[in-house]
PDB file of N, CA and C in Angstrom:
ATOM      1  N   MET A   1     -65.128 -11.280 139.377  1.00  0.00           N
ATOM      2  CA  MET A   1     -63.696 -11.210 139.137  1.00  0.00           C
ATOM      3  C   MET A   1     -63.122  -9.964 139.814  1.00  0.00           C
ATOM      4  N   ASN A   2     -62.008 -10.122 140.488  1.00  0.00           N
ATOM      5  CA  ASN A   2     -61.375  -9.019 141.205  1.00  0.00           C
ATOM      6  C   ASN A   2     -60.611  -8.091 140.270  1.00  0.00           C
ATOM      7  N   LYS A   3     -60.571  -6.813 140.649  1.00  0.00           N
ATOM      8  CA  LYS A   3     -59.759  -5.848 139.918  1.00  0.00           C
ATOM      9  C   LYS A   3     -58.283  -6.149 140.172  1.00  0.00           C
ATOM     10  N   PRO A   4     -57.441  -5.945 139.175  1.00  0.00           N
ATOM     11  CA  PRO A   4     -56.009  -6.163 139.403  1.00  0.00           C
ATOM     12  C   PRO A   4     -55.419  -5.068 140.290  1.00  0.00           C
ATOM     13  N   TRP A   5     -54.308  -5.375 140.918  1.00  0.00           N
ATOM     14  CA  TRP A   5     -53.540  -4.419 141.706  1.00  0.00           C
ATOM     15  C   TRP A   5     -52.232  -4.173 140.986  1.00  0.00           C
ATOM     16  N   PHE A   6     -51.662  -3.015 141.224  1.00  0.00           N
ATOM     17  CA  PHE A   6     -50.441  -2.627 140.538  1.00  0.00           C
ATOM     18  C   PHE A   6     -49.390  -2.162 141.536  1.00  0.00           C
ATOM     19  N   LEU A   7     -48.167  -2.554 141.275  1.00  0.00           N
ATOM     20  CA  LEU A   7     -47.018  -2.021 141.983  1.00  0.00           C
ATOM     21  C   LEU A   7     -46.417  -0.963 141.061  1.00  0.00           C
ATOM     22  N   TYR A   8     -46.024   0.174 141.606  1.00  0.00           N
ATOM     23  CA  TYR A   8     -45.466   1.224 140.756  1.00  0.00           C
ATOM     24  C   TYR A   8     -44.244   1.840 141.414  1.00  0.00           C
ATOM     25  N   LEU A   9     -43.330   2.327 140.586  1.00  0.00           N
ATOM     26  CA  LEU A   9     -42.136   3.007 141.042  1.00  0.00           C
ATOM     27  C   LEU A   9     -42.130   4.399 140.439  1.00  0.00           C
ATOM     28  N   ILE A  10     -41.871   5.403 141.283  1.00  0.00           N
ATOM     29  CA  ILE A  10     -41.842   6.800 140.867  1.00  0.00           C
ATOM     30  C   ILE A  10     -40.462   7.367 141.183  1.00  0.00           C
ATOM     31  N   GLU A  11     -39.898   8.079 140.221  1.00  0.00           N
ATOM     32  CA  GLU A  11     -38.666   8.824 140.502  1.00  0.00           C
ATOM     33  C   GLU A  11     -39.061  10.191 141.037  1.00  0.00           C
ATOM     34  N   CYS A  12     -38.437  10.593 142.139  1.00  0.00           N
ATOM     35  CA  CYS A  12     -38.740  11.871 142.781  1.00  0.00           C
ATOM     36  C   CYS A  12     -37.678  12.910 142.425  1.00  0.00           C
ATOM     37  N   GLN A  13     -37.961  14.187 142.739  1.00  0.00           N
ATOM     38  CA  GLN A  13     -37.060  15.284 142.398  1.00  0.00           C
ATOM     39  C   GLN A  13     -35.659  15.106 142.969  1.00  0.00           C
ATOM     40  N   ASP A  14     -35.549  14.466 144.114  1.00  0.00           N
ATOM     41  CA  ASP A  14     -34.228  14.261 144.714  1.00  0.00           C
ATOM     42  C   ASP A  14     -33.550  12.987 144.201  1.00  0.00           C
ATOM     43  N   HIS A  15     -34.112  12.400 143.146  1.00  0.00           N
ATOM     44  CA  HIS A  15     -33.609  11.186 142.479  1.00  0.00           C
ATOM     45  C   HIS A  15     -33.836   9.914 143.288  1.00  0.00           C
ATOM     46  N   SER A  16     -34.593   9.999 144.358  1.00  0.00           N
ATOM     47  CA  SER A  16     -34.958   8.793 145.098  1.00  0.00           C
ATOM     48  C   SER A  16     -36.105   8.105 144.354  1.00  0.00           C
ATOM     49  N   ILE A  17     -36.363   6.865 144.733  1.00  0.00           N
ATOM     50  CA  ILE A  17     -37.413   6.072 144.095  1.00  0.00           C
ATOM     51  C   ILE A  17     -38.473   5.734 145.139  1.00  0.00           C
ATOM     52  N   TYR A  18     -39.720   6.123 144.856  1.00  0.00           N
ATOM     53  CA  TYR A  18     -40.847   5.776 145.716  1.00  0.00           C
ATOM     54  C   TYR A  18     -41.519   4.540 145.134  1.00  0.00           C
ATOM     55  N   THR A  19     -41.856   3.591 145.997  1.00  0.00           N
ATOM     56  CA  THR A  19     -42.537   2.364 145.584  1.00  0.00           C
ATOM     57  C   THR A  19     -43.872   2.279 146.302  1.00  0.00           C
ATOM     58  N   GLY A  20     -44.933   1.987 145.554  1.00  0.00           N
ATOM     59  CA  GLY A  20     -46.250   1.869 146.152  1.00  0.00           C
ATOM     60  C   GLY A  20     -47.126   0.882 145.402  1.00  0.00           C
ATOM     61  N   ILE A  21     -48.322   0.651 145.939  1.00  0.00           N
ATOM     62  CA  ILE A  21     -49.301  -0.208 145.266  1.00  0.00           C
ATOM     63  C   ILE A  21     -50.636   0.522 145.212  1.00  0.00           C
ATOM     64  N   THR A  22     -51.437   0.142 144.231  1.00  0.00           N
ATOM     65  CA  THR A  22     -52.758   0.733 144.051  1.00  0.00           C
ATOM     66  C   THR A  22     -53.580  -0.152 143.126  1.00  0.00           C
ATOM     67  N   ASN A  23     -54.873   0.100 143.095  1.00  0.00           N
ATOM     68  CA  ASN A  23     -55.700  -0.574 142.092  1.00  0.00           C
ATOM     69  C   ASN A  23     -56.123   0.403 141.000  1.00  0.00           C
ATOM     70  N   ASN A  24     -55.592   1.656 141.067  1.00  0.00           N
ATOM     71  CA  ASN A  24     -55.866   2.662 140.046  1.00  0.00           C
ATOM     72  C   ASN A  24     -54.630   3.554 139.898  1.00  0.00           C
ATOM     73  N   VAL A  25     -53.749   3.180 138.987  1.00  0.00           N
ATOM     74  CA  VAL A  25     -52.466   3.871 138.831  1.00  0.00           C
ATOM     75  C   VAL A  25     -52.654   5.323 138.433  1.00  0.00           C
ATOM     76  N   GLU A  26     -53.508   5.586 137.482  1.00  0.00           N
ATOM     77  CA  GLU A  26     -53.707   6.957 137.009  1.00  0.00           C
ATOM     78  C   GLU A  26     -54.143   7.879 138.153  1.00  0.00           C
ATOM     79  N   LYS A  27     -55.125   7.449 138.915  1.00  0.00           N
ATOM     80  CA  LYS A  27     -55.636   8.256 140.031  1.00  0.00           C
ATOM     81  C   LYS A  27     -54.580   8.431 141.120  1.00  0.00           C
ATOM     82  N   ARG A  28     -53.868   7.360 141.446  1.00  0.00           N
ATOM     83  CA  ARG A  28     -52.862   7.426 142.513  1.00  0.00           C
ATOM     84  C   ARG A  28     -51.678   8.293 142.102  1.00  0.00           C
ATOM     85  N   TYR A  29     -51.218   8.154 140.859  1.00  0.00           N
ATOM     86  CA  TYR A  29     -50.094   8.983 140.395  1.00  0.00           C
ATOM     87  C   TYR A  29     -50.494  10.456 140.399  1.00  0.00           C
ATOM     88  N   ALA A  30     -51.713  10.753 139.957  1.00  0.00           N
ATOM     89  CA  ALA A  30     -52.201  12.140 139.980  1.00  0.00           C
ATOM     90  C   ALA A  30     -52.220  12.677 141.401  1.00  0.00           C
ATOM     91  N   ALA A  31     -52.598  11.850 142.369  1.00  0.00           N
ATOM     92  CA  ALA A  31     -52.595  12.276 143.764  1.00  0.00           C
ATOM     93  C   ALA A  31     -51.179  12.616 144.218  1.00  0.00           C
ATOM     94  N   HIS A  32     -50.210  11.795 143.840  1.00  0.00           N
ATOM     95  CA  HIS A  32     -48.813  12.080 144.190  1.00  0.00           C
ATOM     96  C   HIS A  32     -48.364  13.406 143.563  1.00  0.00           C
ATOM     97  N   VAL A  33     -48.658  13.587 142.290  1.00  0.00           N
ATOM     98  CA  VAL A  33     -48.247  14.799 141.569  1.00  0.00           C
ATOM     99  C   VAL A  33     -48.880  16.044 142.179  1.00  0.00           C
ATOM    100  N   ASN A  34     -50.122  15.928 142.622  1.00  0.00           N
ATOM    101  CA  ASN A  34     -50.850  17.068 143.178  1.00  0.00           C
ATOM    102  C   ASN A  34     -50.614  17.273 144.674  1.00  0.00           C
ATOM    103  N   GLY A  35     -49.657  16.538 145.245  1.00  0.00           N
ATOM    104  CA  GLY A  35     -49.336  16.707 146.658  1.00  0.00           C
ATOM    105  C   GLY A  35     -50.338  16.084 147.602  1.00  0.00           C
ATOM    106  N   LYS A  36     -51.184  15.188 147.101  1.00  0.00           N
ATOM    107  CA  LYS A  36     -52.214  14.537 147.908  1.00  0.00           C
ATOM    108  C   LYS A  36     -51.890  13.072 148.183  1.00  0.00           C
ATOM    109  N   GLY A  37     -50.728  12.611 147.727  1.00  0.00           N
ATOM    110  CA  GLY A  37     -50.356  11.211 147.917  1.00  0.00           C
ATOM    111  C   GLY A  37     -49.653  11.003 149.238  1.00  0.00           C
ATOM    112  N   ALA A  38     -48.713  10.106 149.247  1.00  0.00           N
ATOM    113  CA  ALA A  38     -47.962   9.768 150.454  1.00  0.00           C
ATOM    114  C   ALA A  38     -47.122  10.946 150.936  1.00  0.00           C
ATOM    115  N   ARG A  39     -46.856  10.965 152.215  1.00  0.00           N
ATOM    116  CA  ARG A  39     -46.018  12.028 152.789  1.00  0.00           C
ATOM    117  C   ARG A  39     -44.670  12.095 152.062  1.00  0.00           C
ATOM    118  N   TYR A  40     -44.124  10.930 151.721  1.00  0.00           N
ATOM    119  CA  TYR A  40     -42.831  10.866 151.033  1.00  0.00           C
ATOM    120  C   TYR A  40     -42.847  11.697 149.756  1.00  0.00           C
ATOM    121  N   THR A  41     -43.901  11.566 148.949  1.00  0.00           N
ATOM    122  CA  THR A  41     -43.951  12.308 147.679  1.00  0.00           C
ATOM    123  C   THR A  41     -44.457  13.736 147.858  1.00  0.00           C
ATOM    124  N   ARG A  42     -45.002  14.056 149.007  1.00  0.00           N
ATOM    125  CA  ARG A  42     -45.327  15.460 149.278  1.00  0.00           C
ATOM    126  C   ARG A  42     -44.040  16.232 149.547  1.00  0.00           C
ATOM    127  N   ILE A  43     -43.085  15.573 150.205  1.00  0.00           N
ATOM    128  CA  ILE A  43     -41.797  16.192 150.513  1.00  0.00           C
ATOM    129  C   ILE A  43     -40.864  16.134 149.307  1.00  0.00           C
ATOM    130  N   ARG A  44     -40.953  15.056 148.551  1.00  0.00           N
ATOM    131  CA  ARG A  44     -40.103  14.823 147.379  1.00  0.00           C
ATOM    132  C   ARG A  44     -41.017  14.644 146.161  1.00  0.00           C
ATOM    133  N   PRO A  45     -41.411  15.725 145.520  1.00  0.00           N
ATOM    134  CA  PRO A  45     -42.381  15.628 144.418  1.00  0.00           C
ATOM    135  C   PRO A  45     -41.940  14.673 143.299  1.00  0.00           C
ATOM    136  N   PRO A  46     -42.892  13.986 142.702  1.00  0.00           N
ATOM    137  CA  PRO A  46     -42.594  13.056 141.612  1.00  0.00           C
ATOM    138  C   PRO A  46     -42.103  13.768 140.354  1.00  0.00           C
ATOM    139  N   VAL A  47     -41.187  13.107 139.663  1.00  0.00           N
ATOM    140  CA  VAL A  47     -40.699  13.585 138.375  1.00  0.00           C
ATOM    141  C   VAL A  47     -41.306  12.742 137.257  1.00  0.00           C
ATOM    142  N   LYS A  48     -41.264  11.404 137.450  1.00  0.00           N
ATOM    143  CA  LYS A  48     -41.842  10.524 136.428  1.00  0.00           C
ATOM    144  C   LYS A  48     -42.146   9.149 137.001  1.00  0.00           C
ATOM    145  N   LEU A  49     -43.062   8.508 136.341  1.00  0.00           N
ATOM    146  CA  LEU A  49     -43.428   7.134 136.654  1.00  0.00           C
ATOM    147  C   LEU A  49     -42.420   6.234 135.949  1.00  0.00           C
ATOM    148  N   LEU A  50     -41.726   5.398 136.713  1.00  0.00           N
ATOM    149  CA  LEU A  50     -40.683   4.544 136.134  1.00  0.00           C
ATOM    150  C   LEU A  50     -41.186   3.181 135.685  1.00  0.00           C
ATOM    151  N   ALA A  51     -42.073   2.581 136.469  1.00  0.00           N
ATOM    152  CA  ALA A  51     -42.534   1.230 136.141  1.00  0.00           C
ATOM    153  C   ALA A  51     -43.881   0.967 136.794  1.00  0.00           C
ATOM    154  N   VAL A  52     -44.660   0.125 136.138  1.00  0.00           N
ATOM    155  CA  VAL A  52     -45.945  -0.337 136.657  1.00  0.00           C
ATOM    156  C   VAL A  52     -46.042  -1.822 136.352  1.00  0.00           C
ATOM    157  N   ILE A  53     -46.286  -2.613 137.378  1.00  0.00           N
ATOM    158  CA  ILE A  53     -46.389  -4.056 137.216  1.00  0.00           C
ATOM    159  C   ILE A  53     -47.736  -4.508 137.761  1.00  0.00           C
ATOM    160  N   GLU A  54     -48.455  -5.309 136.987  1.00  0.00           N
ATOM    161  CA  GLU A  54     -49.789  -5.768 137.370  1.00  0.00           C
ATOM    162  C   GLU A  54     -49.726  -7.069 138.162  1.00  0.00           C
ATOM    163  N   PHE A  55     -50.594  -7.158 139.188  1.00  0.00           N
ATOM    164  CA  PHE A  55     -50.744  -8.359 140.009  1.00  0.00           C
ATOM    165  C   PHE A  55     -52.218  -8.743 140.056  1.00  0.00           C
ATOM    166  N   THR A  56     -52.477  -9.999 140.314  1.00  0.00           N
ATOM    167  CA  THR A  56     -53.866 -10.466 140.341  1.00  0.00           C
ATOM    168  C   THR A  56     -54.592 -10.087 141.627  1.00  0.00           C
ATOM    169  N   ASP A  57     -53.829  -9.812 142.699  1.00  0.00           N
ATOM    170  CA  ASP A  57     -54.475  -9.477 143.965  1.00  0.00           C
ATOM    171  C   ASP A  57     -53.599  -8.540 144.797  1.00  0.00           C
ATOM    172  N   ARG A  58     -54.220  -7.953 145.812  1.00  0.00           N
ATOM    173  CA  ARG A  58     -53.533  -6.989 146.669  1.00  0.00           C
ATOM    174  C   ARG A  58     -52.389  -7.630 147.440  1.00  0.00           C
ATOM    175  N   ALA A  59     -52.593  -8.836 147.934  1.00  0.00           N
ATOM    176  CA  ALA A  59     -51.569  -9.508 148.735  1.00  0.00           C
ATOM    177  C   ALA A  59     -50.277  -9.702 147.949  1.00  0.00           C
ATOM    178  N   SER A  60     -50.387 -10.102 146.696  1.00  0.00           N
ATOM    179  CA  SER A  60     -49.200 -10.306 145.860  1.00  0.00           C
ATOM    180  C   SER A  60     -48.484  -8.978 145.602  1.00  0.00           C
ATOM    181  N   ALA A  61     -49.264  -7.947 145.327  1.00  0.00           N
ATOM    182  CA  ALA A  61     -48.676  -6.625 145.092  1.00  0.00           C
ATOM    183  C   ALA A  61     -47.975  -6.120 146.352  1.00  0.00           C
ATOM    184  N   ALA A  62     -48.611  -6.280 147.505  1.00  0.00           N
ATOM    185  CA  ALA A  62     -48.039  -5.814 148.768  1.00  0.00           C
ATOM    186  C   ALA A  62     -46.769  -6.579 149.125  1.00  0.00           C
ATOM    187  N   SER A  63     -46.751  -7.862 148.858  1.00  0.00           N
ATOM    188  CA  SER A  63     -45.567  -8.669 149.126  1.00  0.00           C
ATOM    189  C   SER A  63     -44.394  -8.206 148.265  1.00  0.00           C
ATOM    190  N   SER A  64     -44.651  -7.957 147.001  1.00  0.00           N
ATOM    191  CA  SER A  64     -43.601  -7.470 146.102  1.00  0.00           C
ATOM    192  C   SER A  64     -43.155  -6.065 146.487  1.00  0.00           C
ATOM    193  N   GLU A  65     -44.102  -5.239 146.902  1.00  0.00           N
ATOM    194  CA  GLU A  65     -43.765  -3.883 147.356  1.00  0.00           C
ATOM    195  C   GLU A  65     -42.795  -3.956 148.533  1.00  0.00           C
ATOM    196  N   TYR A  66     -43.097  -4.798 149.493  1.00  0.00           N
ATOM    197  CA  TYR A  66     -42.235  -4.941 150.656  1.00  0.00           C
ATOM    198  C   TYR A  66     -40.817  -5.343 150.238  1.00  0.00           C
ATOM    199  N   THR A  67     -40.729  -6.319 149.349  1.00  0.00           N
ATOM    200  CA  THR A  67     -39.430  -6.795 148.883  1.00  0.00           C
ATOM    201  C   THR A  67     -38.657  -5.673 148.189  1.00  0.00           C
ATOM    202  N   ILE A  68     -39.313  -4.980 147.274  1.00  0.00           N
ATOM    203  CA  ILE A  68     -38.638  -3.937 146.495  1.00  0.00           C
ATOM    204  C   ILE A  68     -38.215  -2.772 147.382  1.00  0.00           C
ATOM    205  N   LYS A  69     -38.979  -2.459 148.403  1.00  0.00           N
ATOM    206  CA  LYS A  69     -38.603  -1.368 149.305  1.00  0.00           C
ATOM    207  C   LYS A  69     -37.308  -1.656 150.057  1.00  0.00           C
ATOM    208  N   GLN A  70     -36.891  -2.907 150.113  1.00  0.00           N
ATOM    209  CA  GLN A  70     -35.637  -3.272 150.775  1.00  0.00           C
ATOM    210  C   GLN A  70     -34.432  -3.062 149.851  1.00  0.00           C
ATOM    211  N   TRP A  71     -34.678  -2.891 148.561  1.00  0.00           N
ATOM    212  CA  TRP A  71     -33.605  -2.776 147.574  1.00  0.00           C
ATOM    213  C   TRP A  71     -32.960  -1.390 147.583  1.00  0.00           C
ATOM    214  N   THR A  72     -31.771  -1.323 147.008  1.00  0.00           N
ATOM    215  CA  THR A  72     -31.091  -0.044 146.806  1.00  0.00           C
ATOM    216  C   THR A  72     -31.737   0.677 145.620  1.00  0.00           C
ATOM    217  N   SER A  73     -31.436   1.957 145.494  1.00  0.00           N
ATOM    218  CA  SER A  73     -31.947   2.720 144.343  1.00  0.00           C
ATOM    219  C   SER A  73     -31.468   2.122 143.028  1.00  0.00           C
ATOM    220  N   ALA A  74     -30.222   1.671 143.001  1.00  0.00           N
ATOM    221  CA  ALA A  74     -29.681   1.070 141.771  1.00  0.00           C
ATOM    222  C   ALA A  74     -30.463  -0.187 141.390  1.00  0.00           C
ATOM    223  N   GLN A  75     -30.802  -1.004 142.375  1.00  0.00           N
ATOM    224  CA  GLN A  75     -31.585  -2.211 142.096  1.00  0.00           C
ATOM    225  C   GLN A  75     -32.978  -1.850 141.598  1.00  0.00           C
ATOM    226  N   LYS A  76     -33.585  -0.830 142.198  1.00  0.00           N
ATOM    227  CA  LYS A  76     -34.918  -0.393 141.765  1.00  0.00           C
ATOM    228  C   LYS A  76     -34.875   0.151 140.341  1.00  0.00           C
ATOM    229  N   ARG A  77     -33.823   0.912 140.013  1.00  0.00           N
ATOM    230  CA  ARG A  77     -33.697   1.453 138.649  1.00  0.00           C
ATOM    231  C   ARG A  77     -33.532   0.335 137.631  1.00  0.00           C
ATOM    232  N   GLN A  78     -32.743  -0.673 137.975  1.00  0.00           N
ATOM    233  CA  GLN A  78     -32.567  -1.808 137.061  1.00  0.00           C
ATOM    234  C   GLN A  78     -33.880  -2.554 136.878  1.00  0.00           C
ATOM    235  N   PHE A  79     -34.611  -2.750 137.959  1.00  0.00           N
ATOM    236  CA  PHE A  79     -35.918  -3.397 137.888  1.00  0.00           C
ATOM    237  C   PHE A  79     -36.850  -2.608 136.971  1.00  0.00           C
ATOM    238  N   ALA A  80     -36.845  -1.279 137.116  1.00  0.00           N
ATOM    239  CA  ALA A  80     -37.698  -0.432 136.285  1.00  0.00           C
ATOM    240  C   ALA A  80     -37.310  -0.542 134.818  1.00  0.00           C
ATOM    241  N   LYS A  81     -36.016  -0.608 134.530  1.00  0.00           N
ATOM    242  CA  LYS A  81     -35.551  -0.768 133.131  1.00  0.00           C
ATOM    243  C   LYS A  81     -36.035  -2.092 132.539  1.00  0.00           C
ATOM    244  N   ASP A  82     -36.090  -3.104 133.388  1.00  0.00           N
ATOM    245  CA  ASP A  82     -36.461  -4.443 132.930  1.00  0.00           C
ATOM    246  C   ASP A  82     -37.962  -4.650 132.777  1.00  0.00           C
ATOM    247  N   HIS A  83     -38.776  -3.698 133.263  1.00  0.00           N
ATOM    248  CA  HIS A  83     -40.227  -3.845 133.230  1.00  0.00           C
ATOM    249  C   HIS A  83     -40.870  -2.643 132.528  1.00  0.00           C
ATOM    250  N   ALA A  84     -41.608  -2.928 131.520  1.00  0.00           N
ATOM    251  CA  ALA A  84     -42.277  -1.867 130.766  1.00  0.00           C
ATOM    252  C   ALA A  84     -43.398  -1.237 131.598  1.00  0.00           C
ATOM    253  N   ILE A  85     -43.630   0.028 131.357  1.00  0.00           N
ATOM    254  CA  ILE A  85     -44.751   0.709 132.007  1.00  0.00           C
ATOM    255  C   ILE A  85     -46.022   0.326 131.254  1.00  0.00           C
ATOM    256  N   LEU A  86     -47.006  -0.132 131.978  1.00  0.00           N
ATOM    257  CA  LEU A  86     -48.303  -0.449 131.375  1.00  0.00           C
ATOM    258  C   LEU A  86     -49.064   0.861 131.136  1.00  0.00           C
ATOM    259  N   PRO A  87     -49.760   0.980 130.034  1.00  0.00           N
ATOM    260  CA  PRO A  87     -50.577   2.183 129.843  1.00  0.00           C
ATOM    261  C   PRO A  87     -51.717   2.226 130.857  1.00  0.00           C
ATOM    262  N   PHE A  88     -52.056   3.433 131.332  1.00  0.00           N
ATOM    263  CA  PHE A  88     -53.179   3.543 132.267  1.00  0.00           C
ATOM    264  C   PHE A  88     -54.142   4.600 131.823  1.00  0.00           C
TER     265      PHE A  88
END
């Protein structure tokens, strides 16, 4: 059985929203917080994790990530409000 993949949204210090995917949310979020994650979050440090959504496979998570990255910040914030953060 495959490990699940997760799509996550992070609010950054400049109030922008970073969207990414991973198969280990805790480890990936810690990397972002410690300046070891994506270049985007190295420049704009994370403030909080807004949402985490589970997918059965990487392809589904990546497809949703692509779609959400096209949205405005307001749309991403509404999406985050509508989806509970899963414990990690």
